[in-house]
Amino acid sequence: MKRKQIAMLIFIAIIIVLMVVTGKTPGEIADPENYQCKTYATILSLLPPVIAIGLALITKEVYTSLLAGIITGGLLYSNFNLELGINTMLFNENGGMIAKLSDSGNAGILVFLVMLGILVSLLNKAGGSAAFGKWASKHIKTRIGAQLSVMVLGILIFVDDYFNCLTVGSVLRPVTDRHKVSRAKLSYIIDATAAPVCIIAPISSWAAAVTSSVPEDAGINGFAVFIQTIPYNLYALLTLVMVLGVTILRVDFGPMKRHEINAIAGDLFTTPGRPYEDNEEEILKENAHVLDLILPVVVLIISCIIAMVYTGGFFSGTSFVDAFANSSASVGLVLGGAVTLVFTFIYFMLRDTLSFREFTECIPEGFKSMIAPILILTMAWTLSGMTNLLGAKVYVADLVSSSAGSMQGFLPMIIFIVAALLAFATGTSWGTFSILIPIVIGVFPSGQMMVISIASCLAGAVCGDHCSPISDTTIMASAGGHCEHVNHVSTQLPYALVVAAVCMVGYLLIGILQAAKLAALSWLALPVCIVLLFVILMLIRAKTGREEI
């Protein structure tokens, strides 16, 4: 009780100090276009995400942790003027919560989330999920098979990471549940086959983002450069190897090991949190068929792909590749989701598996099932906005530019580390490589070193995105696996860090080969890293012991 009282007294004292500062400083910005806070582009600009991430890992509570980071960012931007800070957090046009929610791209993602929640509720109520689980249990008979099926489907759905995270979990969650795969492990495999797959898929929303990040005046074909980076994108490739290794070798470590052992004993969650529990009871119907799940999902995939190339001008004469490069992922997903819901309605009505009343009941149920990821996404976007207002990207960009010339031999490794840290702090990989790619091209205007450096930038961006609790992809993977978000982050982090450490060795090796004038042997980095990763996994298994899981 004393601790609570002390904490409240400190909180009240902070409020009083802020009110005093507010009374002595202006609550409005006189020249918004030229305004810069005192902490702009300094190391303190990274404080909001550091606070949010640190609190989330310590307290295991993501909502208040994100809110604390947002408040910190707002106060730093307003130079601790409470009135200006509140207005910044809510209404700032470049980073406030209202601005983030009114952004058409963000709003589209939220709408697609709700649509997918409704679709999952429909498939469950119609008995499609139970029928598919029953069918899959006859064909997927082991835990290894269940985990590999998640990986394979994750690789096949390479168009968009959001779409990947939510679809894979919805389809295969009943299968992994039957084989007692923990929700944390399911979310890890989903996350590991989302962004890492999209960043090496030529036809994906990520390829379009990378292509558009190459400056127009550089005289470089961005798509051609993207293709060349694939063999050197060590983190993406090694993450897939990692999933394959831990699954086939049956080796788990860190918090994941406890989750997997508990799952075998019947507890898929380990911690008290049971997200989406009200939406997980499978409904068995006599006339339900496996097609009741497969057909709507196939229609969803096809309609989303068609809708995405439609937004890129494919039906107006643009080539398929260019249409993907110019597509709007959020618009395409919403259009594809709408088509799928209409198709599902007609299909279930004709099949007489659902009544009209049951169909309409799924609409609010689907919305309620997505409230948690919507809240987390909204606050994560706002936190990213606060970080950008403080000039965190400018600070990191200046840091890289100042050290690039004197450390060119180590630049691939340095770029990987910087990109990973920036993506981890901001929760966005797209924002990270959009900043660093122009800097890399400025240092290496052409040649193999440019390709390798861009690849290390992409790899680091995906690595940081993969590790960050405030990343939208990480949040989506938690939602797709119906896993407590903090559980997903804490169990995934050791796996991602092992892969990151091996990547650093690989990029260091490339830098040494470049310095030794042996650039032609740079391709050796990938096989060396694969061998090193498997050696590490074997050593971990020997040290921790292999559970029969």
Protein backbone atom coordinates (compact mmCIF):
# COMPACT_ATOMS: atom_id res chain seq x y z
CA MET A 1 0.00 0.00 0.00
CA LYS A 2 2.87 2.36 0.79
CA ARG A 3 4.38 1.78 -2.65
CA LYS A 4 1.09 2.74 -4.31
CA GLN A 5 0.83 5.87 -2.19
CA ILE A 6 4.43 6.89 -2.99
CA ALA A 7 3.83 6.25 -6.69
CA MET A 8 0.68 8.38 -6.64
CA LEU A 9 2.47 11.21 -4.83
CA ILE A 10 5.23 11.16 -7.45
CA PHE A 11 2.62 11.15 -10.22
CA ILE A 12 0.81 14.14 -8.66
CA ALA A 13 4.13 15.99 -8.26
CA ILE A 14 4.91 15.42 -11.97
CA ILE A 15 1.48 16.77 -12.94
CA ILE A 16 2.02 19.89 -10.80
CA VAL A 17 5.45 20.53 -12.36
CA LEU A 18 4.00 20.11 -15.85
CA MET A 19 1.17 22.51 -15.04
CA VAL A 20 3.70 25.09 -13.82
CA VAL A 21 5.73 24.71 -17.03
CA THR A 22 2.50 24.96 -19.06
CA GLY A 23 1.60 28.22 -17.37
CA LYS A 24 4.95 29.77 -18.22
CA THR A 25 5.28 28.59 -21.83
CA PRO A 26 3.05 29.12 -24.91
CA GLY A 27 0.54 26.37 -25.65
CA GLU A 28 0.68 26.97 -29.39
CA ILE A 29 3.45 26.81 -31.98
CA ALA A 30 3.96 30.17 -33.67
CA ASP A 31 5.63 28.76 -36.83
CA PRO A 32 4.66 25.07 -37.22
CA GLU A 33 6.61 24.60 -40.47
CA ASN A 34 9.96 25.54 -38.92
CA TYR A 35 9.34 24.35 -35.37
CA GLN A 36 11.87 21.99 -33.78
CA CYS A 37 11.80 20.86 -30.18
CA LYS A 38 14.93 20.96 -28.03
CA THR A 39 15.44 17.19 -28.31
CA TYR A 40 15.02 17.09 -32.12
CA ALA A 41 17.43 14.67 -33.84
CA THR A 42 19.24 13.88 -30.57
CA ILE A 43 19.61 10.57 -28.80
CA LEU A 44 16.62 11.54 -26.63
CA SER A 45 14.42 11.25 -29.73
CA LEU A 46 14.65 7.48 -29.25
CA LEU A 47 13.39 7.71 -25.66
CA PRO A 48 9.62 7.17 -26.35
CA PRO A 49 10.00 3.77 -28.07
CA VAL A 50 12.65 2.72 -25.54
CA ILE A 51 10.23 3.47 -22.69
CA ALA A 52 7.34 1.71 -24.43
CA ILE A 53 9.33 -1.40 -25.29
CA GLY A 54 11.05 -1.57 -21.90
CA LEU A 55 7.79 -1.22 -19.95
CA ALA A 56 6.07 -3.79 -22.18
CA LEU A 57 8.78 -6.37 -21.51
CA ILE A 58 8.91 -5.59 -17.76
CA THR A 59 5.21 -5.22 -16.96
CA LYS A 60 3.86 -7.64 -19.63
CA GLU A 61 1.15 -5.04 -20.28
CA VAL A 62 1.26 -3.55 -23.76
CA TYR A 63 -1.52 -0.92 -23.70
CA THR A 64 -0.22 1.28 -20.86
CA SER A 65 3.37 0.77 -22.07
CA LEU A 66 2.53 2.14 -25.51
CA LEU A 67 0.56 4.98 -23.92
CA ALA A 68 3.54 5.86 -21.71
CA GLY A 69 5.76 6.05 -24.79
CA ILE A 70 3.24 8.25 -26.62
CA ILE A 71 2.94 10.63 -23.64
CA THR A 72 6.73 10.85 -23.37
CA GLY A 73 6.99 11.70 -27.06
CA GLY A 74 4.28 14.34 -26.82
CA LEU A 75 5.91 16.02 -23.82
CA LEU A 76 9.37 16.02 -25.42
CA TYR A 77 7.98 17.53 -28.62
CA SER A 78 6.12 20.24 -26.68
CA ASN A 79 9.12 20.96 -24.41
CA PHE A 80 6.96 19.71 -21.49
CA ASN A 81 4.05 22.06 -22.11
CA LEU A 82 1.08 19.91 -21.07
CA GLU A 83 -1.48 21.65 -23.29
CA LEU A 84 0.71 21.47 -26.39
CA GLY A 85 1.70 17.89 -25.56
CA ILE A 86 -1.92 16.70 -25.43
CA ASN A 87 -2.73 18.48 -28.68
CA THR A 88 0.35 16.95 -30.29
CA MET A 89 -0.55 13.40 -29.21
CA LEU A 90 -4.10 13.68 -30.48
CA PHE A 91 -4.25 16.23 -33.29
CA ASN A 92 -0.78 16.82 -34.76
CA GLU A 93 -1.15 16.45 -38.53
CA ASN A 94 2.10 14.54 -38.93
CA GLY A 95 1.97 12.15 -35.99
CA GLY A 96 -1.11 12.54 -33.79
CA MET A 97 -3.54 9.69 -33.14
CA ILE A 98 -6.39 11.32 -35.05
CA ALA A 99 -4.13 11.89 -38.06
CA LYS A 100 -3.00 8.25 -37.98
CA LEU A 101 -6.59 7.00 -37.83
CA SER A 102 -7.71 9.36 -40.60
CA ASP A 103 -4.92 8.17 -42.91
CA SER A 104 -6.61 6.15 -45.66
CA GLY A 105 -3.93 3.47 -45.68
CA ASN A 106 -4.14 2.89 -41.94
CA ALA A 107 -7.94 3.02 -41.98
CA GLY A 108 -7.93 0.43 -44.77
CA ILE A 109 -5.85 -1.95 -42.66
CA LEU A 110 -8.26 -1.56 -39.73
CA VAL A 111 -11.26 -2.20 -42.00
CA PHE A 112 -9.57 -5.30 -43.42
CA LEU A 113 -8.90 -6.50 -39.87
CA VAL A 114 -12.60 -6.22 -39.06
CA MET A 115 -13.55 -7.98 -42.31
CA LEU A 116 -11.19 -10.83 -41.55
CA GLY A 117 -12.55 -11.09 -38.02
CA ILE A 118 -16.07 -11.37 -39.46
CA LEU A 119 -14.91 -14.00 -41.96
CA VAL A 120 -13.24 -16.09 -39.25
CA SER A 121 -16.41 -15.90 -37.15
CA LEU A 122 -18.47 -17.00 -40.18
CA LEU A 123 -16.20 -19.95 -40.95
CA ASN A 124 -16.38 -21.04 -37.32
CA LYS A 125 -20.15 -20.68 -36.99
CA ALA A 126 -20.74 -22.53 -40.27
CA GLY A 127 -18.65 -25.43 -38.99
CA GLY A 128 -15.96 -24.97 -41.64
CA SER A 129 -13.12 -24.64 -39.12
CA ALA A 130 -14.15 -27.83 -37.30
CA ALA A 131 -14.58 -29.71 -40.60
CA PHE A 132 -11.15 -28.59 -41.80
CA GLY A 133 -9.58 -29.53 -38.47
CA LYS A 134 -11.16 -32.98 -38.69
CA TRP A 135 -9.93 -33.40 -42.27
CA ALA A 136 -6.44 -32.13 -41.46
CA SER A 137 -6.11 -34.44 -38.46
CA LYS A 138 -6.32 -37.38 -40.88
CA HIS A 139 -3.56 -36.02 -43.11
CA ILE A 140 -1.35 -34.06 -40.69
CA LYS A 141 -0.57 -36.56 -37.97
CA THR A 142 2.43 -35.10 -36.12
CA ARG A 143 3.41 -31.86 -34.37
CA ILE A 144 6.24 -31.43 -36.87
CA GLY A 145 3.78 -31.79 -39.73
CA ALA A 146 1.45 -29.21 -38.17
CA GLN A 147 4.27 -26.68 -37.77
CA LEU A 148 5.61 -27.31 -41.27
CA SER A 149 2.12 -26.82 -42.71
CA VAL A 150 2.03 -23.35 -41.10
CA MET A 151 5.43 -22.57 -42.61
CA VAL A 152 4.46 -23.79 -46.09
CA LEU A 153 1.20 -21.82 -46.14
CA GLY A 154 3.04 -18.75 -44.85
CA ILE A 155 5.51 -19.00 -47.75
CA LEU A 156 2.73 -19.52 -50.29
CA ILE A 157 0.90 -16.36 -49.15
CA PHE A 158 3.71 -13.99 -50.07
CA VAL A 159 1.68 -11.09 -51.43
CA ASP A 160 1.39 -9.03 -48.25
CA ASP A 161 2.55 -9.51 -44.66
CA TYR A 162 -0.70 -8.32 -43.03
CA PHE A 163 -2.70 -10.66 -45.21
CA ASN A 164 -0.24 -13.46 -44.48
CA CYS A 165 -0.35 -13.09 -40.69
CA LEU A 166 -4.12 -13.11 -40.36
CA THR A 167 -4.95 -15.70 -43.03
CA VAL A 168 -2.40 -18.35 -42.02
CA GLY A 169 -3.47 -18.20 -38.38
CA SER A 170 -7.16 -18.38 -39.22
CA VAL A 171 -6.73 -21.44 -41.45
CA LEU A 172 -4.25 -23.55 -39.46
CA ARG A 173 -4.88 -22.60 -35.84
CA PRO A 174 -7.35 -25.52 -35.36
CA VAL A 175 -4.69 -27.90 -36.73
CA THR A 176 -1.91 -26.71 -34.44
CA ASP A 177 -4.31 -26.73 -31.48
CA ARG A 178 -5.12 -30.39 -32.12
CA HIS A 179 -1.42 -31.26 -32.19
CA LYS A 180 -0.76 -29.21 -29.03
CA VAL A 181 1.47 -26.59 -30.57
CA SER A 182 1.59 -23.57 -28.28
CA ARG A 183 0.02 -20.33 -29.43
CA ALA A 184 3.42 -18.65 -28.95
CA LYS A 185 5.06 -21.12 -31.37
CA LEU A 186 2.24 -20.69 -33.87
CA SER A 187 2.61 -16.89 -33.75
CA TYR A 188 6.39 -17.19 -34.17
CA ILE A 189 6.08 -19.32 -37.31
CA ILE A 190 3.43 -16.94 -38.69
CA ASP A 191 5.65 -13.92 -38.02
CA ALA A 192 8.75 -15.65 -39.40
CA THR A 193 7.01 -16.39 -42.70
CA ALA A 194 5.37 -12.96 -43.08
CA ALA A 195 7.81 -10.06 -43.54
CA PRO A 196 10.88 -12.33 -44.15
CA VAL A 197 9.04 -13.98 -47.06
CA CYS A 198 7.54 -10.75 -48.45
CA ILE A 199 10.95 -9.02 -48.49
CA ILE A 200 12.37 -11.70 -50.85
CA ALA A 201 9.21 -12.10 -52.99
CA PRO A 202 9.43 -10.09 -56.24
CA ILE A 203 5.64 -9.84 -56.44
CA SER A 204 4.63 -8.36 -53.11
CA SER A 205 3.72 -5.09 -51.48
CA TRP A 206 7.19 -5.05 -49.91
CA ALA A 207 8.93 -5.26 -53.29
CA ALA A 208 6.89 -2.24 -54.33
CA ALA A 209 7.94 -0.34 -51.20
CA VAL A 210 11.64 -1.10 -51.74
CA THR A 211 11.42 -0.13 -55.41
CA SER A 212 9.84 3.20 -54.54
CA SER A 213 12.56 3.90 -51.93
CA VAL A 214 15.26 4.15 -54.61
CA PRO A 215 15.68 7.87 -55.51
CA GLU A 216 14.32 8.70 -58.97
CA ASP A 217 17.41 10.76 -59.85
CA ALA A 218 19.79 7.86 -59.03
CA GLY A 219 19.45 6.40 -62.54
CA ILE A 220 18.90 2.94 -61.06
CA ASN A 221 16.18 0.40 -61.82
CA GLY A 222 14.81 -0.15 -58.31
CA PHE A 223 13.08 -3.43 -59.13
CA ALA A 224 16.22 -4.88 -60.75
CA VAL A 225 18.24 -3.93 -57.66
CA PHE A 226 15.61 -5.57 -55.43
CA ILE A 227 15.98 -8.86 -57.35
CA GLN A 228 19.77 -8.71 -56.94
CA THR A 229 19.49 -8.21 -53.16
CA ILE A 230 17.61 -11.48 -52.56
CA PRO A 231 20.67 -13.79 -52.23
CA TYR A 232 22.28 -11.31 -49.81
CA ASN A 233 19.23 -10.74 -47.63
CA LEU A 234 20.65 -12.98 -44.94
CA TYR A 235 18.08 -12.33 -42.21
CA ALA A 236 15.08 -13.21 -44.36
CA LEU A 237 16.65 -16.40 -45.71
CA LEU A 238 18.12 -17.50 -42.38
CA THR A 239 14.83 -16.92 -40.56
CA LEU A 240 13.22 -19.52 -42.83
CA VAL A 241 16.15 -21.85 -42.16
CA MET A 242 15.68 -21.21 -38.42
CA VAL A 243 11.99 -22.18 -38.53
CA LEU A 244 12.87 -25.33 -40.46
CA GLY A 245 15.70 -26.15 -38.05
CA VAL A 246 13.82 -25.72 -34.76
CA THR A 247 10.87 -27.68 -36.17
CA ILE A 248 12.72 -30.67 -37.63
CA LEU A 249 15.37 -30.86 -34.89
CA ARG A 250 12.64 -30.35 -32.24
CA VAL A 251 14.74 -27.87 -30.33
CA ASP A 252 13.25 -24.98 -28.38
CA PHE A 253 14.93 -22.60 -25.96
CA GLY A 254 14.23 -19.54 -23.88
CA PRO A 255 10.61 -18.83 -22.85
CA MET A 256 9.38 -20.76 -25.90
CA LYS A 257 10.53 -24.03 -24.37
CA ARG A 258 8.24 -23.55 -21.37
CA HIS A 259 5.32 -22.65 -23.64
CA GLU A 260 5.84 -25.78 -25.73
CA ILE A 261 6.15 -28.08 -22.70
CA ASN A 262 2.97 -26.60 -21.23
CA ALA A 263 1.18 -26.99 -24.57
CA ILE A 264 1.93 -30.72 -24.58
CA ALA A 265 0.40 -30.87 -21.10
CA GLY A 266 -2.74 -29.21 -22.49
CA ASP A 267 -2.12 -25.48 -21.79
CA LEU A 268 -1.66 -23.71 -25.13
CA PHE A 269 -1.22 -20.26 -23.54
CA THR A 270 0.98 -20.79 -20.41
CA THR A 271 0.02 -17.38 -18.97
CA PRO A 272 -3.43 -16.43 -17.58
CA GLY A 273 -4.29 -14.29 -20.63
CA ARG A 274 -6.67 -16.06 -23.04
CA PRO A 275 -7.15 -13.66 -25.98
CA TYR A 276 -10.07 -14.32 -28.32
CA GLU A 277 -11.29 -17.10 -26.00
CA ASP A 278 -14.94 -16.26 -26.71
CA ASN A 279 -14.38 -16.81 -30.43
CA GLU A 280 -12.56 -20.13 -30.29
CA GLU A 281 -15.20 -22.68 -29.49
CA GLU A 282 -15.51 -24.84 -32.59
CA ILE A 283 -19.03 -25.49 -33.78
CA LEU A 284 -19.75 -28.90 -35.26
CA LYS A 285 -22.46 -29.17 -37.89
CA GLU A 286 -23.60 -32.31 -39.66
CA ASN A 287 -23.68 -30.70 -43.09
CA ALA A 288 -20.38 -28.85 -42.67
CA HIS A 289 -17.70 -29.61 -45.25
CA VAL A 290 -13.99 -28.86 -45.51
CA LEU A 291 -14.77 -26.65 -48.53
CA ASP A 292 -16.71 -24.38 -46.19
CA LEU A 293 -13.31 -23.13 -45.00
CA ILE A 294 -11.05 -23.70 -48.00
CA LEU A 295 -13.26 -22.08 -50.64
CA PRO A 296 -13.72 -18.70 -48.86
CA VAL A 297 -9.98 -18.56 -48.09
CA VAL A 298 -9.06 -19.31 -51.73
CA VAL A 299 -11.52 -16.63 -52.88
CA LEU A 300 -9.95 -14.22 -50.36
CA ILE A 301 -6.44 -14.86 -51.70
CA ILE A 302 -7.42 -14.58 -55.36
CA SER A 303 -9.66 -11.54 -54.90
CA CYS A 304 -7.00 -9.69 -52.86
CA ILE A 305 -4.34 -10.33 -55.53
CA ILE A 306 -6.68 -9.20 -58.32
CA ALA A 307 -7.74 -6.14 -56.31
CA MET A 308 -4.12 -5.16 -55.61
CA VAL A 309 -3.08 -5.29 -59.27
CA TYR A 310 -6.32 -3.47 -60.11
CA THR A 311 -5.25 -0.56 -57.89
CA GLY A 312 -1.89 -0.57 -59.71
CA GLY A 313 -3.54 -0.16 -63.12
CA PHE A 314 -3.20 -3.72 -64.43
CA PHE A 315 -6.58 -3.59 -66.17
CA SER A 316 -5.62 -0.30 -67.79
CA GLY A 317 -2.66 -1.79 -69.63
CA THR A 318 0.07 -1.73 -66.97
CA SER A 319 2.23 -4.87 -66.76
CA PHE A 320 1.63 -7.28 -63.89
CA VAL A 321 4.95 -6.49 -62.21
CA ASP A 322 4.50 -2.72 -62.56
CA ALA A 323 0.90 -3.02 -61.31
CA PHE A 324 2.18 -4.67 -58.14
CA ALA A 325 4.88 -2.03 -57.78
CA ASN A 326 2.25 0.72 -57.97
CA SER A 327 -0.50 -1.05 -56.03
CA SER A 328 -2.15 0.11 -52.82
CA ALA A 329 -2.06 -2.82 -50.41
CA SER A 330 -4.67 -1.41 -48.03
CA VAL A 331 -7.18 -0.62 -50.81
CA GLY A 332 -6.59 -3.99 -52.44
CA LEU A 333 -7.08 -5.90 -49.18
CA VAL A 334 -10.32 -4.05 -48.39
CA LEU A 335 -11.72 -4.69 -51.88
CA GLY A 336 -10.67 -8.34 -51.71
CA GLY A 337 -12.17 -8.71 -48.25
CA ALA A 338 -15.47 -7.18 -49.38
CA VAL A 339 -15.70 -9.53 -52.38
CA THR A 340 -14.95 -12.50 -50.12
CA LEU A 341 -17.66 -11.57 -47.60
CA VAL A 342 -20.25 -11.23 -50.38
CA PHE A 343 -19.16 -14.58 -51.85
CA THR A 344 -19.26 -16.26 -48.42
CA PHE A 345 -22.74 -14.91 -47.75
CA ILE A 346 -24.08 -16.26 -51.05
CA TYR A 347 -22.23 -19.58 -50.67
CA PHE A 348 -23.47 -20.25 -47.12
CA MET A 349 -27.02 -19.22 -48.01
CA LEU A 350 -27.06 -21.63 -50.96
CA ARG A 351 -25.49 -24.39 -48.86
CA ASP A 352 -27.97 -23.68 -46.06
CA THR A 353 -25.21 -23.94 -43.46
CA LEU A 354 -26.10 -20.57 -41.91
CA SER A 355 -29.31 -18.63 -41.52
CA PHE A 356 -29.44 -14.92 -42.33
CA ARG A 357 -29.71 -14.17 -38.60
CA GLU A 358 -26.60 -16.24 -37.82
CA PHE A 359 -24.73 -14.45 -40.59
CA THR A 360 -25.58 -11.01 -39.19
CA GLU A 361 -24.62 -12.12 -35.67
CA CYS A 362 -21.09 -12.78 -36.93
CA ILE A 363 -20.60 -9.11 -37.88
CA PRO A 364 -20.37 -7.70 -34.31
CA GLU A 365 -18.62 -10.89 -33.14
CA GLY A 366 -15.90 -10.43 -35.75
CA PHE A 367 -15.50 -6.77 -34.84
CA LYS A 368 -15.18 -7.57 -31.12
CA SER A 369 -12.55 -10.23 -31.84
CA MET A 370 -10.32 -7.60 -33.46
CA ILE A 371 -10.59 -4.85 -30.83
CA ALA A 372 -7.27 -5.80 -29.20
CA PRO A 373 -5.10 -5.63 -32.35
CA ILE A 374 -6.92 -2.45 -33.47
CA LEU A 375 -6.08 -0.75 -30.15
CA ILE A 376 -2.47 -1.88 -30.24
CA LEU A 377 -2.03 -0.88 -33.89
CA THR A 378 -3.52 2.56 -33.28
CA MET A 379 -1.18 3.26 -30.37
CA ALA A 380 1.84 1.77 -32.21
CA TRP A 381 1.19 4.06 -35.19
CA THR A 382 0.87 7.05 -32.86
CA LEU A 383 4.11 6.15 -31.06
CA SER A 384 5.86 5.91 -34.42
CA GLY A 385 4.44 9.33 -35.29
CA MET A 386 5.78 10.84 -32.05
CA THR A 387 9.20 9.34 -32.73
CA ASN A 388 9.25 10.83 -36.22
CA LEU A 389 8.26 14.26 -34.88
CA LEU A 390 11.27 14.11 -32.57
CA GLY A 391 13.60 13.49 -35.54
CA ALA A 392 14.75 9.97 -34.59
CA LYS A 393 15.17 9.08 -38.27
CA VAL A 394 17.25 12.19 -38.89
CA TYR A 395 19.49 11.34 -35.92
CA VAL A 396 20.10 7.80 -37.18
CA ALA A 397 20.60 8.94 -40.78
CA ASP A 398 23.24 11.47 -39.71
CA LEU A 399 24.93 8.80 -37.61
CA VAL A 400 25.22 6.45 -40.58
CA SER A 401 26.32 9.17 -43.01
CA SER A 402 29.12 10.38 -40.72
CA SER A 403 30.60 6.89 -40.23
CA ALA A 404 30.06 5.51 -43.74
CA GLY A 405 33.14 6.94 -45.37
CA SER A 406 35.67 5.80 -42.78
CA MET A 407 34.28 2.29 -42.23
CA GLN A 408 33.35 1.09 -45.71
CA GLY A 409 34.72 -2.41 -45.11
CA PHE A 410 32.37 -2.89 -42.18
CA LEU A 411 29.49 -0.95 -43.72
CA PRO A 412 27.22 -3.97 -44.51
CA MET A 413 27.33 -5.06 -40.87
CA ILE A 414 26.96 -1.48 -39.58
CA ILE A 415 23.98 -0.82 -41.85
CA PHE A 416 22.36 -4.07 -40.70
CA ILE A 417 22.75 -3.10 -37.03
CA VAL A 418 21.57 0.49 -37.51
CA ALA A 419 18.56 -0.59 -39.61
CA ALA A 420 17.63 -3.22 -37.02
CA LEU A 421 17.83 -0.73 -34.16
CA LEU A 422 15.85 1.91 -36.05
CA ALA A 423 13.12 -0.54 -37.08
CA PHE A 424 12.99 -1.92 -33.53
CA ALA A 425 12.57 1.55 -32.07
CA THR A 426 10.05 2.85 -34.58
CA GLY A 427 8.20 -0.40 -35.31
CA THR A 428 8.34 0.16 -39.07
CA SER A 429 10.64 -1.52 -41.56
CA TRP A 430 9.29 0.40 -44.56
CA GLY A 431 10.14 3.71 -42.91
CA THR A 432 13.59 2.37 -42.07
CA PHE A 433 14.69 1.34 -45.52
CA SER A 434 13.07 4.39 -47.10
CA ILE A 435 15.54 6.49 -45.06
CA LEU A 436 18.65 4.33 -45.32
CA ILE A 437 18.50 3.22 -48.97
CA PRO A 438 19.16 6.77 -50.34
CA ILE A 439 22.09 7.09 -47.92
CA VAL A 440 23.52 3.74 -49.07
CA ILE A 441 23.20 4.74 -52.74
CA GLY A 442 24.96 8.00 -51.91
CA VAL A 443 27.94 6.05 -50.51
CA PHE A 444 27.90 3.31 -53.18
CA PRO A 445 26.29 4.71 -56.36
CA SER A 446 26.66 1.42 -58.26
CA GLY A 447 28.24 -2.02 -58.26
CA GLN A 448 28.02 -5.11 -56.09
CA MET A 449 28.73 -3.23 -52.86
CA MET A 450 25.64 -1.11 -53.45
CA VAL A 451 23.50 -4.24 -53.84
CA ILE A 452 24.99 -5.88 -50.74
CA SER A 453 24.59 -2.73 -48.64
CA ILE A 454 20.95 -2.33 -49.71
CA ALA A 455 20.41 -6.02 -48.89
CA SER A 456 21.87 -5.52 -45.41
CA CYS A 457 19.59 -2.51 -44.96
CA LEU A 458 16.52 -4.58 -45.91
CA ALA A 459 17.66 -7.45 -43.69
CA GLY A 460 18.19 -5.17 -40.70
CA ALA A 461 14.81 -3.49 -41.25
CA VAL A 462 13.03 -6.85 -41.23
CA CYS A 463 15.04 -7.99 -38.20
CA GLY A 464 14.09 -4.93 -36.15
CA ASP A 465 10.49 -5.20 -37.31
CA HIS A 466 10.48 -8.88 -36.34
CA CYS A 467 11.75 -8.15 -32.81
CA SER A 468 9.80 -4.99 -32.02
CA PRO A 469 6.72 -5.22 -29.77
CA ILE A 470 5.31 -2.11 -31.46
CA SER A 471 5.67 -3.44 -35.01
CA ASP A 472 2.37 -3.80 -36.83
CA THR A 473 3.50 -7.14 -38.29
CA THR A 474 4.32 -8.47 -34.82
CA ILE A 475 0.91 -7.30 -33.60
CA MET A 476 -0.79 -8.98 -36.58
CA ALA A 477 1.06 -12.24 -35.92
CA SER A 478 -0.18 -12.21 -32.32
CA ALA A 479 -3.71 -11.63 -33.60
CA GLY A 480 -3.39 -14.34 -36.24
CA GLY A 481 -2.14 -16.88 -33.71
CA HIS A 482 -4.62 -15.74 -31.03
CA CYS A 483 -1.65 -15.33 -28.70
CA GLU A 484 -1.11 -12.85 -25.87
CA HIS A 485 0.98 -10.15 -27.55
CA VAL A 486 3.68 -9.92 -24.88
CA ASN A 487 4.01 -13.73 -24.90
CA HIS A 488 4.64 -13.66 -28.63
CA VAL A 489 7.28 -10.96 -28.30
CA SER A 490 9.14 -12.54 -25.37
CA THR A 491 9.20 -16.04 -26.89
CA GLN A 492 10.18 -14.87 -30.37
CA LEU A 493 12.98 -12.53 -29.33
CA PRO A 494 15.66 -15.18 -28.51
CA TYR A 495 15.07 -16.91 -31.85
CA ALA A 496 15.29 -13.64 -33.80
CA LEU A 497 18.42 -12.55 -31.93
CA VAL A 498 20.21 -15.82 -32.73
CA VAL A 499 19.49 -15.30 -36.43
CA ALA A 500 20.55 -11.64 -36.15
CA ALA A 501 23.89 -12.63 -34.57
CA VAL A 502 24.58 -15.10 -37.39
CA CYS A 503 23.66 -12.39 -39.94
CA MET A 504 26.19 -10.03 -38.39
CA VAL A 505 28.88 -12.68 -38.88
CA GLY A 506 27.78 -13.10 -42.49
CA TYR A 507 27.91 -9.37 -43.27
CA LEU A 508 31.25 -9.07 -41.49
CA LEU A 509 32.56 -11.89 -43.70
CA ILE A 510 31.31 -10.07 -46.80
CA GLY A 511 33.05 -6.88 -45.65
CA ILE A 512 36.33 -8.77 -45.14
CA LEU A 513 36.07 -10.37 -48.60
CA GLN A 514 35.40 -6.96 -50.14
CA ALA A 515 38.42 -5.46 -48.37
CA ALA A 516 40.58 -8.39 -49.53
CA LYS A 517 39.52 -7.80 -53.15
CA LEU A 518 37.63 -11.11 -53.16
CA ALA A 519 34.21 -9.67 -53.85
CA ALA A 520 33.40 -12.54 -56.23
CA LEU A 521 33.30 -14.87 -53.21
CA SER A 522 30.66 -12.86 -51.33
CA TRP A 523 28.09 -15.53 -52.16
CA LEU A 524 29.86 -17.79 -49.64
CA ALA A 525 28.31 -15.79 -46.77
CA LEU A 526 24.91 -17.49 -47.06
CA PRO A 527 26.08 -21.15 -46.94
CA VAL A 528 28.54 -20.30 -44.15
CA CYS A 529 25.73 -18.71 -42.14
CA ILE A 530 23.39 -21.66 -42.72
CA VAL A 531 26.03 -24.08 -41.43
CA LEU A 532 26.78 -21.82 -38.46
CA LEU A 533 23.07 -21.56 -37.61
CA PHE A 534 22.63 -25.34 -37.60
CA VAL A 535 25.75 -25.74 -35.45
CA ILE A 536 24.30 -23.27 -32.93
CA LEU A 537 20.97 -25.14 -32.89
CA MET A 538 22.74 -28.45 -32.31
CA LEU A 539 24.76 -26.94 -29.47
CA ILE A 540 21.58 -25.51 -27.90
CA ARG A 541 19.89 -28.89 -28.18
CA ALA A 542 22.88 -30.61 -26.60
CA LYS A 543 22.92 -28.11 -23.74
CA THR A 544 19.20 -27.83 -23.01
CA GLY A 545 18.17 -31.37 -23.89
CA ARG A 546 15.65 -32.34 -26.54
CA GLU A 547 12.09 -32.67 -25.42
CA GLU A 548 9.96 -35.25 -27.19
CA ILE A 549 7.78 -32.61 -28.75
